[in-house]
Amino acid sequence: MEKQDVFVDVCNAQTMDGETEKIEMRVVGTICETDEGFLVEYTEYDEDARPCRTTVRAVGERLVSVLREGDCGGEMRFEPGKRHSTVYNTPYGALTMGVYTKRVENALTKDGGRLHFCYTTDFHAQGSIENHMTLTVTLK
């Protein structure tokens, strides 16, 4: 279970009310093979240079959990065809968020690879936001 230094290219596209916002970034992180699958860890920074530590756990081909720690965060679980509720913390308070996963594509290996998942989020069961997230991991 040796960690390897990697580049993590994060691409997240969110569509709400017909408008799509795309966020792309490259960060330095690590990948580690575990008994259950793969663990990718990285830190990103917001516009005020506050850190947010993200841990992505890919278990098998169909389960992903994302833990975000910092001013904004919480834990989200992604399983195709299932809806999970979570609490998402912000500097302004906590929000109850529903996450419904449509698809998970896991092509991670110990040398990197790609993880893609499509899901919708809703807050307090009001409206929904379509999300497409891709992590591309390459050895540093």
Protein backbone atom coordinates (compact mmCIF):
# COMPACT_ATOMS: atom_id res chain seq x y z
CA MET A 1 0.00 0.00 0.00
CA GLU A 2 2.64 2.48 -1.08
CA LYS A 3 1.49 5.98 -2.02
CA GLN A 4 2.66 7.34 -5.35
CA ASP A 5 2.87 11.04 -6.17
CA VAL A 6 0.52 11.99 -9.00
CA PHE A 7 -1.06 14.85 -10.88
CA VAL A 8 -4.84 14.89 -10.55
CA ASP A 9 -6.78 16.68 -13.27
CA VAL A 10 -10.25 17.45 -11.95
CA CYS A 11 -13.05 18.38 -14.34
CA ASN A 12 -16.51 19.06 -12.94
CA ALA A 13 -19.41 20.25 -15.06
CA GLN A 14 -22.65 21.32 -13.34
CA THR A 15 -25.87 22.08 -15.20
CA MET A 16 -28.75 23.89 -13.54
CA ASP A 17 -31.68 25.58 -15.28
CA GLY A 18 -30.06 24.96 -18.69
CA GLU A 19 -26.82 26.75 -17.73
CA THR A 20 -23.58 24.74 -17.52
CA GLU A 21 -20.61 25.78 -15.41
CA LYS A 22 -17.35 23.90 -15.87
CA ILE A 23 -14.49 23.91 -13.39
CA GLU A 24 -11.12 22.41 -14.30
CA MET A 25 -7.94 22.29 -12.26
CA ARG A 26 -4.71 20.35 -11.89
CA VAL A 27 -3.45 19.54 -8.42
CA VAL A 28 -0.70 17.39 -6.96
CA GLY A 29 -1.79 14.40 -4.90
CA THR A 30 -1.22 10.74 -4.19
CA ILE A 31 -2.70 7.42 -5.26
CA CYS A 32 -2.57 4.25 -3.23
CA GLU A 33 -3.92 0.77 -3.89
CA THR A 34 -5.90 -0.64 -0.96
CA ASP A 35 -7.54 -4.00 -0.27
CA GLU A 36 -10.84 -2.48 -1.49
CA GLY A 37 -9.63 -0.52 -4.54
CA PHE A 38 -7.85 2.83 -4.84
CA LEU A 39 -7.45 5.90 -2.70
CA VAL A 40 -6.69 9.28 -4.32
CA GLU A 41 -5.89 12.23 -2.05
CA TYR A 42 -5.27 15.87 -2.94
CA THR A 43 -5.61 19.38 -1.58
CA GLU A 44 -7.19 22.24 -3.48
CA TYR A 45 -7.42 25.88 -2.45
CA ASP A 46 -10.36 28.28 -2.68
CA GLU A 47 -10.17 31.88 -3.89
CA ASP A 48 -9.03 32.98 -0.41
CA ALA A 49 -6.20 30.38 -0.36
CA ARG A 50 -8.00 28.24 2.25
CA PRO A 51 -7.19 24.54 1.84
CA CYS A 52 -9.73 21.80 1.20
CA ARG A 53 -8.45 18.24 1.55
CA THR A 54 -10.21 15.74 -0.70
CA THR A 55 -10.06 11.97 -0.33
CA VAL A 56 -11.57 9.86 -3.13
CA ARG A 57 -12.07 6.16 -2.40
CA ALA A 58 -12.91 3.98 -5.42
CA VAL A 59 -14.15 0.55 -4.36
CA GLY A 60 -14.51 -1.95 -7.17
CA GLU A 61 -16.07 -0.73 -10.38
CA ARG A 62 -19.28 0.76 -8.98
CA LEU A 63 -18.72 2.56 -5.68
CA VAL A 64 -17.00 5.88 -5.01
CA SER A 65 -16.93 7.97 -1.85
CA VAL A 66 -15.61 11.52 -1.70
CA LEU A 67 -14.66 13.13 1.61
CA ARG A 68 -13.97 16.87 1.56
CA GLU A 69 -12.43 18.50 4.64
CA GLY A 70 -12.11 22.26 5.06
CA ASP A 71 -14.42 25.28 5.29
CA CYS A 72 -16.85 23.50 2.96
CA GLY A 73 -17.23 19.79 3.02
CA GLY A 74 -18.84 16.56 3.87
CA GLU A 75 -18.88 13.01 2.57
CA MET A 76 -20.69 11.95 -0.58
CA ARG A 77 -21.30 8.37 -1.70
CA PHE A 78 -21.82 7.42 -5.33
CA GLU A 79 -23.47 4.12 -6.33
CA PRO A 80 -25.28 3.81 -9.67
CA GLY A 81 -29.06 3.75 -9.29
CA LYS A 82 -28.98 4.80 -5.63
CA ARG A 83 -29.72 8.03 -3.79
CA HIS A 84 -27.81 8.92 -0.64
CA SER A 85 -28.39 11.86 1.69
CA THR A 86 -25.55 13.75 3.27
CA VAL A 87 -24.89 16.95 5.18
CA TYR A 88 -22.73 19.48 3.32
CA ASN A 89 -21.11 22.03 5.61
CA THR A 90 -20.44 25.62 4.50
CA PRO A 91 -19.15 28.67 6.39
CA TYR A 92 -22.80 29.81 6.47
CA GLY A 93 -24.26 26.60 7.90
CA ALA A 94 -25.07 23.02 6.99
CA LEU A 95 -27.24 21.92 4.06
CA THR A 96 -28.95 18.58 3.62
CA MET A 97 -28.01 17.32 0.17
CA GLY A 98 -29.32 14.37 -1.80
CA VAL A 99 -27.00 12.63 -4.26
CA TYR A 100 -28.46 10.34 -6.95
CA THR A 101 -25.81 8.51 -9.01
CA LYS A 102 -26.50 7.67 -12.62
CA ARG A 103 -23.15 6.19 -13.64
CA VAL A 104 -19.67 5.35 -12.30
CA GLU A 105 -16.77 4.46 -14.60
CA ASN A 106 -13.65 3.37 -12.72
CA ALA A 107 -10.49 2.80 -14.77
CA LEU A 108 -7.94 3.50 -12.01
CA THR A 109 -4.78 1.45 -11.63
CA LYS A 110 -1.78 1.82 -9.34
CA ASP A 111 -0.18 3.87 -12.13
CA GLY A 112 -3.09 6.30 -12.53
CA GLY A 113 -6.06 6.23 -14.84
CA ARG A 114 -9.50 7.79 -14.94
CA LEU A 115 -12.53 7.94 -12.69
CA HIS A 116 -15.78 9.39 -14.06
CA PHE A 117 -19.15 9.67 -12.41
CA CYS A 118 -22.47 11.30 -13.31
CA TYR A 119 -24.94 12.28 -10.63
CA THR A 120 -27.59 14.77 -9.60
CA THR A 121 -27.66 16.75 -6.39
CA ASP A 122 -30.61 18.38 -4.68
CA PHE A 123 -30.78 20.49 -1.54
CA HIS A 124 -33.66 19.90 0.86
CA ALA A 125 -35.29 17.89 -1.98
CA GLN A 126 -35.72 21.10 -4.02
CA GLY A 127 -34.68 21.16 -7.71
CA SER A 128 -31.67 19.26 -8.94
CA ILE A 129 -28.26 19.95 -10.41
CA GLU A 130 -26.75 17.63 -13.04
CA ASN A 131 -23.06 16.86 -12.38
CA HIS A 132 -20.36 15.16 -14.45
CA MET A 133 -17.07 14.71 -12.64
CA THR A 134 -13.86 13.26 -14.06
CA LEU A 135 -10.58 12.69 -12.24
CA THR A 136 -7.63 11.86 -14.47
CA VAL A 137 -4.63 10.64 -12.49
CA THR A 138 -1.10 10.54 -13.96
CA LEU A 139 2.20 9.70 -12.31
CA LYS A 140 4.27 12.73 -11.39
